[in-house]
Amino acid sequence: MKTYEHARAHVAAFHVQHEDPHFSVGESELRSLAALRDAVDVAIAVHVRELVEFEAMSWSAVASSLSPSPAVLQRLYGR
């Protein structure tokens, strides 16, 4: 399984039980995705700080690692 497909499988499998019965299925799915996004953002920030501070990774290397590939950009924005 390719990296993108593997990540998408994790996203599809991630669901948070929301207590409010007034949320539609779509609202619950969006809230789950937002929670996942926030957790990933925090994990990336922590990992970047550790790599820069303790493993002497350069900010250029960090930027290169975090920037999307042309294939990702095409998938996101191309039609």
Protein backbone atom coordinates (compact mmCIF):
# COMPACT_ATOMS: atom_id res chain seq x y z
CA MET A 1 0.00 0.00 0.00
CA LYS A 2 1.40 3.39 -0.96
CA THR A 3 1.91 6.05 1.70
CA TYR A 4 -1.05 8.19 0.63
CA GLU A 5 -3.38 5.20 0.42
CA HIS A 6 -2.21 4.02 3.85
CA ALA A 7 -2.88 7.45 5.36
CA ARG A 8 -6.32 7.58 3.73
CA ALA A 9 -7.14 4.17 5.24
CA HIS A 10 -6.29 5.53 8.70
CA VAL A 11 -8.46 8.58 8.10
CA ALA A 12 -11.38 6.45 6.94
CA ALA A 13 -11.08 4.22 10.01
CA PHE A 14 -10.91 7.11 12.50
CA HIS A 15 -14.20 8.00 14.20
CA VAL A 16 -14.93 9.77 17.46
CA GLN A 17 -18.17 9.07 19.31
CA HIS A 18 -19.86 12.42 19.82
CA GLU A 19 -22.21 12.69 22.75
CA ASP A 20 -24.55 15.29 21.26
CA PRO A 21 -27.46 13.51 19.55
CA HIS A 22 -28.25 16.69 17.61
CA PHE A 23 -25.19 16.25 15.36
CA SER A 24 -25.90 14.79 11.96
CA VAL A 25 -23.70 12.00 10.66
CA GLY A 26 -21.92 14.54 8.45
CA GLU A 27 -21.25 16.89 11.37
CA SER A 28 -19.88 14.02 13.45
CA GLU A 29 -17.60 12.96 10.60
CA LEU A 30 -16.31 16.52 10.19
CA ARG A 31 -15.68 16.83 13.93
CA SER A 32 -13.78 13.54 13.87
CA LEU A 33 -11.66 14.73 10.95
CA ALA A 34 -10.97 18.05 12.69
CA ALA A 35 -9.88 16.21 15.85
CA LEU A 36 -7.58 14.00 13.77
CA ARG A 37 -6.15 17.04 11.95
CA ASP A 38 -5.46 18.82 15.24
CA ALA A 39 -3.75 15.74 16.70
CA VAL A 40 -1.59 15.34 13.59
CA ASP A 41 -0.63 19.04 13.65
CA VAL A 42 0.50 18.73 17.27
CA ALA A 43 2.42 15.51 16.57
CA ILE A 44 4.22 17.15 13.63
CA ALA A 45 5.12 20.22 15.71
CA VAL A 46 6.52 18.10 18.54
CA HIS A 47 8.50 15.92 16.16
CA VAL A 48 9.92 18.92 14.30
CA ARG A 49 11.08 20.53 17.54
CA GLU A 50 12.75 17.28 18.64
CA LEU A 51 14.51 16.83 15.29
CA VAL A 52 15.77 20.41 15.18
CA GLU A 53 16.79 20.65 18.84
CA PHE A 54 18.15 17.17 19.53
CA GLU A 55 19.17 15.74 16.16
CA ALA A 56 20.42 18.96 14.58
CA MET A 57 18.13 18.71 11.57
CA SER A 58 18.21 21.93 9.59
CA TRP A 59 15.11 24.01 9.02
CA SER A 60 15.68 23.54 5.28
CA ALA A 61 15.48 19.77 5.71
CA VAL A 62 12.32 20.16 7.80
CA ALA A 63 10.73 22.37 5.15
CA SER A 64 11.69 19.91 2.43
CA SER A 65 10.21 17.01 4.40
CA LEU A 66 6.94 18.79 5.11
CA SER A 67 6.36 20.29 1.70
CA PRO A 68 3.94 18.38 -0.50
CA SER A 69 5.20 16.54 -3.52
CA PRO A 70 4.02 17.50 -7.00
CA ALA A 71 1.82 14.38 -7.01
CA VAL A 72 0.09 15.49 -3.80
CA LEU A 73 -0.46 18.99 -5.17
CA GLN A 74 -1.91 17.58 -8.37
CA ARG A 75 -4.21 15.29 -6.40
CA LEU A 76 -5.35 18.19 -4.17
CA TYR A 77 -5.77 20.90 -6.76
CA GLY A 78 -5.69 19.29 -10.19
CA ARG A 79 -8.73 18.14 -12.06
